[in-house]
Amino acid sequence: MAVNKTGAEKAIASAEREFRSAMASLKEKDYAGALKYLQECSEYAVKAVLLAYGMDYPKTHTVGRFLYEMREKYPQWFAKQIKSIADVADDLARSRARFRYPYEHPSEQYEVIVGHVFPRVKKALEDCRSFIQRFFG
């Protein structure tokens, strides 16, 4: 398994960009848009970790579960976080269609969901970013 520094750094940069877009959507009270960006953020953050180890993950949105395949290789501090990172990434991925087609669902749902997942995605991004920074020094 080859290390993929370039891919991992590009993926974590994409995750950070999507998080900034989510914050901009929140300022505009576009909760469905924020959720779309939070889903993409969490997906890219997980992919950054997987890419760091050179993992050729399946091209799917529910990538959080693949973090478990590498758990014995992670530093202990990160291994403790994989359940929460995988859960938020995969929960959002499973709801992806709702965020892509907000006009098909009651809008008040989105504000409640954002309130619940925003801090979880922020923490997942911070943990994955920290992992990438430490992994590559």
Protein backbone atom coordinates (compact mmCIF):
# COMPACT_ATOMS: atom_id res chain seq x y z
CA MET A 1 0.00 0.00 0.00
CA ALA A 2 1.58 3.23 -1.17
CA VAL A 3 1.19 6.52 0.64
CA ASN A 4 -0.64 9.20 -1.37
CA LYS A 5 0.37 12.57 0.08
CA THR A 6 -0.80 14.63 -2.89
CA GLY A 7 -4.24 13.01 -3.01
CA ALA A 8 -4.70 13.26 0.75
CA GLU A 9 -3.75 16.95 0.81
CA LYS A 10 -6.06 17.73 -2.12
CA ALA A 11 -8.94 15.86 -0.46
CA ILE A 12 -8.53 17.65 2.89
CA ALA A 13 -8.34 21.00 1.04
CA SER A 14 -11.61 20.07 -0.72
CA ALA A 15 -13.17 19.19 2.65
CA GLU A 16 -12.16 22.59 4.03
CA ARG A 17 -13.61 24.36 0.97
CA GLU A 18 -16.94 22.52 1.37
CA PHE A 19 -17.02 23.41 5.07
CA ARG A 20 -16.55 27.10 4.22
CA SER A 21 -19.38 26.80 1.70
CA ALA A 22 -21.57 25.21 4.39
CA MET A 23 -20.89 28.16 6.70
CA ALA A 24 -21.78 30.61 3.92
CA SER A 25 -25.04 28.72 3.32
CA LEU A 26 -25.83 28.87 7.03
CA LYS A 27 -25.40 32.65 7.02
CA GLU A 28 -28.01 32.78 4.26
CA LYS A 29 -30.27 30.37 6.21
CA ASP A 30 -29.97 27.88 3.34
CA TYR A 31 -30.04 24.81 5.55
CA ALA A 32 -30.45 22.26 2.75
CA GLY A 33 -27.46 23.81 0.99
CA ALA A 34 -25.44 23.71 4.20
CA LEU A 35 -26.26 20.03 4.61
CA LYS A 36 -25.18 19.31 1.04
CA TYR A 37 -21.83 20.95 1.72
CA LEU A 38 -21.45 19.28 5.13
CA GLN A 39 -22.03 15.90 3.49
CA GLU A 40 -19.38 16.62 0.89
CA CYS A 41 -17.02 17.95 3.55
CA SER A 42 -17.28 14.81 5.65
CA GLU A 43 -16.85 12.59 2.58
CA TYR A 44 -13.70 14.41 1.45
CA ALA A 45 -12.27 14.41 4.97
CA VAL A 46 -12.65 10.63 5.24
CA LYS A 47 -11.24 10.15 1.75
CA ALA A 48 -8.20 12.23 2.75
CA VAL A 49 -7.40 9.78 5.54
CA LEU A 50 -7.94 6.78 3.28
CA LEU A 51 -5.79 8.34 0.56
CA ALA A 52 -3.01 9.03 3.07
CA TYR A 53 -2.62 5.27 3.35
CA GLY A 54 -2.98 4.83 -0.39
CA MET A 55 -6.28 2.98 -0.03
CA ASP A 56 -8.17 2.51 -3.27
CA TYR A 57 -11.66 2.90 -1.79
CA PRO A 58 -14.79 2.19 -3.84
CA LYS A 59 -16.19 5.26 -5.59
CA THR A 60 -19.20 5.71 -3.34
CA HIS A 61 -20.48 8.42 -1.01
CA THR A 62 -20.67 6.17 2.06
CA VAL A 63 -16.93 5.97 2.70
CA GLY A 64 -16.92 6.32 6.49
CA ARG A 65 -17.19 2.57 6.99
CA PHE A 66 -13.86 2.08 5.20
CA LEU A 67 -12.06 3.84 8.04
CA TYR A 68 -12.51 0.65 10.07
CA GLU A 69 -10.41 -1.34 7.59
CA MET A 70 -7.33 0.64 8.56
CA ARG A 71 -7.98 1.09 12.30
CA GLU A 72 -4.93 -0.89 13.45
CA LYS A 73 -2.68 1.53 11.55
CA TYR A 74 -4.02 4.76 13.06
CA PRO A 75 -2.44 6.53 15.98
CA GLN A 76 -4.42 5.84 19.14
CA TRP A 77 -5.87 9.37 19.40
CA PHE A 78 -7.34 9.07 15.87
CA ALA A 79 -8.53 5.48 16.28
CA LYS A 80 -10.74 6.69 19.14
CA GLN A 81 -12.47 9.11 16.74
CA ILE A 82 -13.21 6.82 13.79
CA LYS A 83 -16.66 5.74 14.97
CA SER A 84 -17.93 9.32 15.26
CA ILE A 85 -16.27 10.35 11.97
CA ALA A 86 -17.59 7.30 10.09
CA ASP A 87 -21.07 7.68 11.57
CA VAL A 88 -21.55 11.33 10.60
CA ALA A 89 -20.07 10.83 7.13
CA ASP A 90 -22.23 7.81 6.35
CA ASP A 91 -25.39 9.22 7.96
CA LEU A 92 -25.10 12.30 5.76
CA ALA A 93 -24.30 10.24 2.67
CA ARG A 94 -27.41 8.11 3.17
CA SER A 95 -29.51 11.32 3.32
CA ARG A 96 -27.74 12.92 0.36
CA ALA A 97 -30.77 12.83 -1.95
CA ARG A 98 -32.80 14.87 0.57
CA PHE A 99 -30.19 17.64 0.47
CA ARG A 100 -29.92 17.54 -3.33
CA TYR A 101 -33.69 17.84 -3.82
CA PRO A 102 -34.83 20.08 -0.96
CA TYR A 103 -38.04 21.08 -2.68
CA GLU A 104 -39.31 17.52 -2.16
CA HIS A 105 -39.07 17.66 1.65
CA PRO A 106 -40.38 19.94 4.44
CA SER A 107 -37.89 22.79 4.87
CA GLU A 108 -38.10 22.96 8.67
CA GLN A 109 -36.43 19.54 8.87
CA TYR A 110 -33.18 20.93 7.52
CA GLU A 111 -32.58 23.50 10.24
CA VAL A 112 -32.97 20.82 12.93
CA ILE A 113 -30.65 18.42 11.12
CA VAL A 114 -28.00 21.12 10.65
CA GLY A 115 -28.09 21.92 14.35
CA HIS A 116 -27.36 18.29 15.10
CA VAL A 117 -24.71 17.50 12.48
CA PHE A 118 -22.79 20.76 12.14
CA PRO A 119 -20.71 20.29 15.32
CA ARG A 120 -20.11 16.63 14.44
CA VAL A 121 -18.85 17.47 10.95
CA LYS A 122 -16.71 20.31 12.29
CA LYS A 123 -15.06 17.91 14.77
CA ALA A 124 -14.61 15.22 12.08
CA LEU A 125 -12.95 17.76 9.79
CA GLU A 126 -10.67 18.96 12.59
CA ASP A 127 -9.67 15.39 13.45
CA CYS A 128 -9.02 14.41 9.83
CA ARG A 129 -7.08 17.62 9.17
CA SER A 130 -4.97 17.04 12.26
CA PHE A 131 -4.37 13.44 11.20
CA ILE A 132 -3.18 14.52 7.72
CA GLN A 133 -0.91 17.22 9.18
CA ARG A 134 0.66 14.79 11.64
CA PHE A 135 0.88 11.92 9.17
CA PHE A 136 2.84 13.96 6.66
CA GLY A 137 4.63 16.13 9.22
